[in-house]
Amino acid sequence: ASTSASNDSSSSSSHDAFAVLRELESDS
């Protein structure tokens, strides 16, 4: 998910799909 794709209104469904990944822990 790139920045432009998140700002694009046409890719709102894709933004919702990858929002689940933000809950994953980034630290080891």
PDB file of all heavy atoms in Angstrom:
ATOM      1  N   ALA A   1       0.849  -1.196   0.000  1.00  0.00           N
ATOM      2  CA  ALA A   1       0.000   0.000   0.000  1.00  0.00           C
ATOM      3  C   ALA A   1       0.877   1.236   0.000  1.00  0.00           C
ATOM      4  O   ALA A   1       1.574   1.513   0.974  1.00  0.00           O
ATOM      5  CB  ALA A   1      -0.925  -0.017   1.210  1.00  0.00           C
ATOM      6  N   SER A   2       0.904   1.985  -1.063  1.00  0.00           N
ATOM      7  CA  SER A   2       1.717   3.200  -1.157  1.00  0.00           C
ATOM      8  C   SER A   2       0.930   4.398  -0.645  1.00  0.00           C
ATOM      9  O   SER A   2      -0.274   4.324  -0.388  1.00  0.00           O
ATOM     10  CB  SER A   2       2.141   3.430  -2.606  1.00  0.00           C
ATOM     11  OG  SER A   2       0.999   3.569  -3.426  1.00  0.00           O
ATOM     12  N   THR A   3       1.606   5.549  -0.532  1.00  0.00           N
ATOM     13  CA  THR A   3       0.941   6.764  -0.050  1.00  0.00           C
ATOM     14  C   THR A   3      -0.098   7.251  -1.033  1.00  0.00           C
ATOM     15  O   THR A   3      -1.200   7.655  -0.665  1.00  0.00           O
ATOM     16  CB  THR A   3       1.985   7.859   0.203  1.00  0.00           C
ATOM     17  OG1 THR A   3       2.979   7.340   1.067  1.00  0.00           O
ATOM     18  CG2 THR A   3       1.349   9.084   0.822  1.00  0.00           C
ATOM     19  N   SER A   4       0.252   7.189  -2.317  1.00  0.00           N
ATOM     20  CA  SER A   4      -0.703   7.635  -3.337  1.00  0.00           C
ATOM     21  C   SER A   4      -1.931   6.744  -3.389  1.00  0.00           C
ATOM     22  O   SER A   4      -3.042   7.215  -3.618  1.00  0.00           O
ATOM     23  CB  SER A   4      -0.027   7.690  -4.706  1.00  0.00           C
ATOM     24  OG  SER A   4       0.443   6.403  -5.059  1.00  0.00           O
ATOM     25  N   ALA A   5      -1.726   5.474  -3.178  1.00  0.00           N
ATOM     26  CA  ALA A   5      -2.868   4.561  -3.201  1.00  0.00           C
ATOM     27  C   ALA A   5      -3.792   4.802  -2.024  1.00  0.00           C
ATOM     28  O   ALA A   5      -5.007   4.639  -2.127  1.00  0.00           O
ATOM     29  CB  ALA A   5      -2.390   3.116  -3.211  1.00  0.00           C
ATOM     30  N   SER A   6      -3.225   5.228  -0.866  1.00  0.00           N
ATOM     31  CA  SER A   6      -4.070   5.487   0.297  1.00  0.00           C
ATOM     32  C   SER A   6      -4.868   6.768   0.126  1.00  0.00           C
ATOM     33  O   SER A   6      -5.964   6.891   0.677  1.00  0.00           O
ATOM     34  CB  SER A   6      -3.217   5.556   1.564  1.00  0.00           C
ATOM     35  OG  SER A   6      -2.299   6.624   1.443  1.00  0.00           O
ATOM     36  N   ASN A   7      -4.309   7.763  -0.617  1.00  0.00           N
ATOM     37  CA  ASN A   7      -5.031   9.021  -0.836  1.00  0.00           C
ATOM     38  C   ASN A   7      -6.044   8.923  -1.960  1.00  0.00           C
ATOM     39  O   ASN A   7      -6.926   9.755  -2.089  1.00  0.00           O
ATOM     40  CB  ASN A   7      -4.041  10.141  -1.136  1.00  0.00           C
ATOM     41  CG  ASN A   7      -3.120  10.407   0.058  1.00  0.00           C
ATOM     42  OD1 ASN A   7      -3.520  10.192   1.206  1.00  0.00           O
ATOM     43  ND2 ASN A   7      -1.904  10.892  -0.219  1.00  0.00           N
ATOM     44  N   ASP A   8      -5.897   7.918  -2.801  1.00  0.00           N
ATOM     45  CA  ASP A   8      -6.814   7.778  -3.926  1.00  0.00           C
ATOM     46  C   ASP A   8      -8.163   7.260  -3.425  1.00  0.00           C
ATOM     47  O   ASP A   8      -8.220   6.284  -2.693  1.00  0.00           O
ATOM     48  CB  ASP A   8      -6.226   6.820  -4.960  1.00  0.00           C
ATOM     49  CG  ASP A   8      -7.010   6.872  -6.261  1.00  0.00           C
ATOM     50  OD1 ASP A   8      -7.989   7.636  -6.314  1.00  0.00           O
ATOM     51  OD2 ASP A   8      -6.625   6.127  -7.199  1.00  0.00           O
ATOM     52  N   SER A   9      -9.197   7.951  -3.821  1.00  0.00           N
ATOM     53  CA  SER A   9     -10.528   7.526  -3.394  1.00  0.00           C
ATOM     54  C   SER A   9     -10.946   6.224  -4.032  1.00  0.00           C
ATOM     55  O   SER A   9     -11.739   5.467  -3.465  1.00  0.00           O
ATOM     56  CB  SER A   9     -11.552   8.623  -3.726  1.00  0.00           C
ATOM     57  OG  SER A   9     -11.559   8.863  -5.131  1.00  0.00           O
ATOM     58  N   SER A  10     -10.363   5.954  -5.221  1.00  0.00           N
ATOM     59  CA  SER A  10     -10.752   4.717  -5.897  1.00  0.00           C
ATOM     60  C   SER A  10     -10.166   3.482  -5.238  1.00  0.00           C
ATOM     61  O   SER A  10     -10.625   2.373  -5.469  1.00  0.00           O
ATOM     62  CB  SER A  10     -10.326   4.766  -7.368  1.00  0.00           C
ATOM     63  OG  SER A  10      -8.913   4.879  -7.466  1.00  0.00           O
ATOM     64  N   SER A  11      -9.091   3.665  -4.416  1.00  0.00           N
ATOM     65  CA  SER A  11      -8.450   2.529  -3.754  1.00  0.00           C
ATOM     66  C   SER A  11      -8.783   2.475  -2.276  1.00  0.00           C
ATOM     67  O   SER A  11      -7.983   2.069  -1.458  1.00  0.00           O
ATOM     68  CB  SER A  11      -6.933   2.588  -3.946  1.00  0.00           C
ATOM     69  OG  SER A  11      -6.435   3.798  -3.392  1.00  0.00           O
ATOM     70  N   SER A  12      -9.939   2.997  -1.914  1.00  0.00           N
ATOM     71  CA  SER A  12     -10.358   2.965  -0.506  1.00  0.00           C
ATOM     72  C   SER A  12     -10.567   1.533  -0.014  1.00  0.00           C
ATOM     73  O   SER A  12     -10.276   1.209   1.135  1.00  0.00           O
ATOM     74  CB  SER A  12     -11.644   3.787  -0.328  1.00  0.00           C
ATOM     75  OG  SER A  12     -12.664   3.232  -1.155  1.00  0.00           O
ATOM     76  N   SER A  13     -11.083   0.670  -0.904  1.00  0.00           N
ATOM     77  CA  SER A  13     -11.265  -0.723  -0.504  1.00  0.00           C
ATOM     78  C   SER A  13      -9.929  -1.402  -0.241  1.00  0.00           C
ATOM     79  O   SER A  13      -9.793  -2.216   0.679  1.00  0.00           O
ATOM     80  CB  SER A  13     -12.040  -1.475  -1.585  1.00  0.00           C
ATOM     81  OG  SER A  13     -11.330  -1.415  -2.810  1.00  0.00           O
ATOM     82  N   SER A  14      -8.905  -1.065  -1.049  1.00  0.00           N
ATOM     83  CA  SER A  14      -7.574  -1.623  -0.812  1.00  0.00           C
ATOM     84  C   SER A  14      -6.988  -1.102   0.479  1.00  0.00           C
ATOM     85  O   SER A  14      -6.294  -1.826   1.202  1.00  0.00           O
ATOM     86  CB  SER A  14      -6.665  -1.289  -1.995  1.00  0.00           C
ATOM     87  OG  SER A  14      -5.355  -1.738  -1.748  1.00  0.00           O
ATOM     88  N   HIS A  15      -7.261   0.172   0.798  1.00  0.00           N
ATOM     89  CA  HIS A  15      -6.776   0.734   2.069  1.00  0.00           C
ATOM     90  C   HIS A  15      -7.382  -0.014   3.245  1.00  0.00           C
ATOM     91  O   HIS A  15      -6.708  -0.305   4.231  1.00  0.00           O
ATOM     92  CB  HIS A  15      -7.120   2.216   2.125  1.00  0.00           C
ATOM     93  CG  HIS A  15      -6.802   2.851   3.463  1.00  0.00           C
ATOM     94  ND1 HIS A  15      -5.526   3.098   3.868  1.00  0.00           N
ATOM     95  CD2 HIS A  15      -7.631   3.267   4.466  1.00  0.00           C
ATOM     96  CE1 HIS A  15      -5.546   3.646   5.077  1.00  0.00           C
ATOM     97  NE2 HIS A  15      -6.817   3.764   5.458  1.00  0.00           N
ATOM     98  N   ASP A  16      -8.661  -0.362   3.166  1.00  0.00           N
ATOM     99  CA  ASP A  16      -9.304  -1.115   4.242  1.00  0.00           C
ATOM    100  C   ASP A  16      -8.746  -2.535   4.359  1.00  0.00           C
ATOM    101  O   ASP A  16      -8.657  -3.096   5.447  1.00  0.00           O
ATOM    102  CB  ASP A  16     -10.815  -1.175   3.998  1.00  0.00           C
ATOM    103  CG  ASP A  16     -11.442   0.218   4.076  1.00  0.00           C
ATOM    104  OD1 ASP A  16     -10.812   1.096   4.707  1.00  0.00           O
ATOM    105  OD2 ASP A  16     -12.518   0.403   3.487  1.00  0.00           O
ATOM    106  N   ALA A  17      -8.328  -3.088   3.216  1.00  0.00           N
ATOM    107  CA  ALA A  17      -7.799  -4.452   3.253  1.00  0.00           C
ATOM    108  C   ALA A  17      -6.450  -4.516   3.944  1.00  0.00           C
ATOM    109  O   ALA A  17      -6.154  -5.448   4.698  1.00  0.00           O
ATOM    110  CB  ALA A  17      -7.679  -5.001   1.827  1.00  0.00           C
ATOM    111  N   PHE A  18      -5.606  -3.509   3.709  1.00  0.00           N
ATOM    112  CA  PHE A  18      -4.274  -3.516   4.323  1.00  0.00           C
ATOM    113  C   PHE A  18      -4.233  -2.821   5.671  1.00  0.00           C
ATOM    114  O   PHE A  18      -3.183  -2.753   6.299  1.00  0.00           O
ATOM    115  CB  PHE A  18      -3.271  -2.832   3.379  1.00  0.00           C
ATOM    116  CG  PHE A  18      -3.003  -3.621   2.133  1.00  0.00           C
ATOM    117  CD1 PHE A  18      -3.604  -3.280   0.939  1.00  0.00           C
ATOM    118  CD2 PHE A  18      -2.169  -4.723   2.169  1.00  0.00           C
ATOM    119  CE1 PHE A  18      -3.376  -4.012  -0.204  1.00  0.00           C
ATOM    120  CE2 PHE A  18      -1.932  -5.457   1.029  1.00  0.00           C
ATOM    121  CZ  PHE A  18      -2.540  -5.105  -0.164  1.00  0.00           C
ATOM    122  N   ALA A  19      -5.367  -2.289   6.111  1.00  0.00           N
ATOM    123  CA  ALA A  19      -5.397  -1.691   7.445  1.00  0.00           C
ATOM    124  C   ALA A  19      -5.224  -2.741   8.529  1.00  0.00           C
ATOM    125  O   ALA A  19      -4.765  -2.432   9.636  1.00  0.00           O
ATOM    126  CB  ALA A  19      -6.719  -0.929   7.652  1.00  0.00           C
ATOM    127  N   VAL A  20      -5.571  -3.977   8.210  1.00  0.00           N
ATOM    128  CA  VAL A  20      -5.423  -5.048   9.191  1.00  0.00           C
ATOM    129  C   VAL A  20      -3.956  -5.303   9.500  1.00  0.00           C
ATOM    130  O   VAL A  20      -3.591  -5.703  10.613  1.00  0.00           O
ATOM    131  CB  VAL A  20      -6.092  -6.334   8.667  1.00  0.00           C
ATOM    132  CG1 VAL A  20      -6.028  -7.448   9.707  1.00  0.00           C
ATOM    133  CG2 VAL A  20      -7.532  -6.054   8.288  1.00  0.00           C
ATOM    134  N   LEU A  21      -3.091  -5.038   8.538  1.00  0.00           N
ATOM    135  CA  LEU A  21      -1.669  -5.320   8.737  1.00  0.00           C
ATOM    136  C   LEU A  21      -1.012  -4.361   9.705  1.00  0.00           C
ATOM    137  O   LEU A  21       0.070  -4.647  10.204  1.00  0.00           O
ATOM    138  CB  LEU A  21      -0.941  -5.281   7.392  1.00  0.00           C
ATOM    139  CG  LEU A  21      -1.487  -6.205   6.312  1.00  0.00           C
ATOM    140  CD1 LEU A  21      -0.706  -6.040   5.027  1.00  0.00           C
ATOM    141  CD2 LEU A  21      -1.426  -7.644   6.785  1.00  0.00           C
ATOM    142  N   ARG A  22      -1.643  -3.186   9.936  1.00  0.00           N
ATOM    143  CA  ARG A  22      -1.034  -2.219  10.849  1.00  0.00           C
ATOM    144  C   ARG A  22      -1.057  -2.711  12.299  1.00  0.00           C
ATOM    145  O   ARG A  22      -0.327  -2.204  13.139  1.00  0.00           O
ATOM    146  CB  ARG A  22      -1.765  -0.880  10.747  1.00  0.00           C
ATOM    147  CG  ARG A  22      -1.661  -0.223   9.381  1.00  0.00           C
ATOM    148  CD  ARG A  22      -2.082   1.235   9.450  1.00  0.00           C
ATOM    149  NE  ARG A  22      -2.077   1.829   8.144  1.00  0.00           N
ATOM    150  CZ  ARG A  22      -3.169   1.987   7.388  1.00  0.00           C
ATOM    151  NH1 ARG A  22      -4.345   1.572   7.853  1.00  0.00           N
ATOM    152  NH2 ARG A  22      -3.090   2.542   6.205  1.00  0.00           N
ATOM    153  N   GLU A  23      -1.913  -3.674  12.584  1.00  0.00           N
ATOM    154  CA  GLU A  23      -1.984  -4.185  13.950  1.00  0.00           C
ATOM    155  C   GLU A  23      -0.838  -5.128  14.274  1.00  0.00           C
ATOM    156  O   GLU A  23      -0.655  -5.481  15.439  1.00  0.00           O
ATOM    157  CB  GLU A  23      -3.309  -4.916  14.154  1.00  0.00           C
ATOM    158  CG  GLU A  23      -4.523  -4.017  13.985  1.00  0.00           C
ATOM    159  CD  GLU A  23      -5.811  -4.770  14.182  1.00  0.00           C
ATOM    160  OE1 GLU A  23      -5.718  -5.985  14.483  1.00  0.00           O
ATOM    161  OE2 GLU A  23      -6.903  -4.174  14.058  1.00  0.00           O
ATOM    162  N   LEU A  24      -0.087  -5.565  13.261  1.00  0.00           N
ATOM    163  CA  LEU A  24       1.046  -6.443  13.520  1.00  0.00           C
ATOM    164  C   LEU A  24       2.172  -5.683  14.176  1.00  0.00           C
ATOM    165  O   LEU A  24       2.394  -4.493  13.914  1.00  0.00           O
ATOM    166  CB  LEU A  24       1.536  -7.070  12.208  1.00  0.00           C
ATOM    167  CG  LEU A  24       0.505  -7.903  11.455  1.00  0.00           C
ATOM    168  CD1 LEU A  24       1.101  -8.413  10.150  1.00  0.00           C
ATOM    169  CD2 LEU A  24       0.037  -9.074  12.311  1.00  0.00           C
ATOM    170  N   GLU A  25       2.907  -6.365  15.053  1.00  0.00           N
ATOM    171  CA  GLU A  25       4.018  -5.729  15.745  1.00  0.00           C
ATOM    172  C   GLU A  25       5.190  -5.558  14.792  1.00  0.00           C
ATOM    173  O   GLU A  25       5.574  -6.481  14.072  1.00  0.00           O
ATOM    174  CB  GLU A  25       4.440  -6.583  16.943  1.00  0.00           C
ATOM    175  CG  GLU A  25       3.359  -6.695  18.009  1.00  0.00           C
ATOM    176  CD  GLU A  25       3.840  -7.495  19.198  1.00  0.00           C
ATOM    177  OE1 GLU A  25       5.022  -7.882  19.198  1.00  0.00           O
ATOM    178  OE2 GLU A  25       3.040  -7.732  20.118  1.00  0.00           O
ATOM    179  N   SER A  26       5.743  -4.362  14.797  1.00  0.00           N
ATOM    180  CA  SER A  26       6.896  -4.091  13.928  1.00  0.00           C
ATOM    181  C   SER A  26       8.223  -4.463  14.584  1.00  0.00           C
ATOM    182  O   SER A  26       9.220  -4.685  13.899  1.00  0.00           O
ATOM    183  CB  SER A  26       6.920  -2.609  13.546  1.00  0.00           C
ATOM    184  OG  SER A  26       6.993  -1.802  14.727  1.00  0.00           O
ATOM    185  N   ASP A  27       8.239  -4.538  15.912  1.00  0.00           N
ATOM    186  CA  ASP A  27       9.486  -4.868  16.608  1.00  0.00           C
ATOM    187  C   ASP A  27       9.656  -6.379  16.699  1.00  0.00           C
ATOM    188  O   ASP A  27       8.691  -7.135  16.691  1.00  0.00           O
ATOM    189  CB  ASP A  27       9.480  -4.271  18.021  1.00  0.00           C
ATOM    190  CG  ASP A  27       9.419  -2.751  17.984  1.00  0.00           C
ATOM    191  OD1 ASP A  27       9.836  -2.193  16.935  1.00  0.00           O
ATOM    192  OD2 ASP A  27       8.947  -2.154  18.964  1.00  0.00           O
ATOM    193  N   SER A  28      10.909  -6.807  16.816  1.00  0.00           N
ATOM    194  CA  SER A  28      11.213  -8.231  16.921  1.00  0.00           C
ATOM    195  C   SER A  28      11.004  -8.720  18.350  1.00  0.00           C
ATOM    196  O   SER A  28      11.148  -7.963  19.319  1.00  0.00           O
ATOM    197  CB  SER A  28      12.655  -8.495  16.488  1.00  0.00           C
ATOM    198  OG  SER A  28      13.011  -9.823  16.741  1.00  0.00           O
TER     199      SER A  28
END
